Amino acid sequence: MINAIWVFMIFAGVVVAALNGRMELVTNAVLNGAKQGVVVCLGLLSIMVFWLGLMKIAEAAGLVQSFAKVLYPLARFLYPSVPKDHPAMGSIVANMSANMLGLGNAATPLGLKAMRELQDLNPDKEKASDAMCTLLAINTSGLTIIPATVIGLRLQYGSTNPTEIVVSTLMATLLATTTAVLLDRYYRSRERKRWGGGP
C-alpha cells in the first residue's frame, strides 16, 4: 500500500510539473535530494564511527557488561517465558543496551538475532509468541538515554547545542516504552483470558 502511495505521489508530481511546464523543478529536486542524502549519510557515518568506537572501548573496559548485568533483572521480568540461560536472553539484553545508548544501527542486528532465537523457542512457528511481541513493542518504542543518531543529525545541520534534546528524548521514549509495556501486558492478559489460559 505504501509503495502504491509513493508511486502515485511521484507520478502526480511529474504530471503536474509537465502540465505547468516546470519540469526543471522536478529535475532539480531529484538531484538536490540525492545530494542531500549523500551528505546526511556521510555525516551520520562519522558520528556512528565515533559512538561505535566509544562502545568498543566501553566493552573492553567492562562497562557494557556491567550495564547488561543491570538490565538483566528487568529483562527477566519482561520476558518470563525465556529460560534464564538461553542465548536469546543474552541477545535481548545486548539489544536493550544498544538501544538505550542510541546505537540504532548497531542495535538492529542484535534485535534480529534475538528475534531469531525467540522464534526457536516459539512452539507455534506461524504465530508470534508473547516474548516476540514484547521485543517488538520495546524496540519500536525505543527507550533511549543517548540519542546518538539524532545528535549527529543536529550536528550535521549546524545546531549550536545538539545535545539539548537528551532530556526530552529520554522523557518521551521512557513514556513511550512504559506505554508499550503496559499495553503488551494488557493484551497478553486479555488473550489468555479469552482462550481460557487464566490471568
Foldseek 3Di string as FASTA:
>chain_A
DVVVVVVVVVVVVCVVCVVVVNVVVVVVVVVVVVVVVVLLVVLLVVLLVVVVVVVVVCVVVCNLVVQLVVCLVVLCVLCVVDDSPQVLSVLLSSLLSCLQQQNVVVSVVSLVVSLVSVCVVDPDNVDDDLSNLLSVQLVVLRQYQFNSSQLSVCVSVPNPCSRPCNVVSNVSSVVSNVVSSVVSVVVVQVVCVVVVVHD
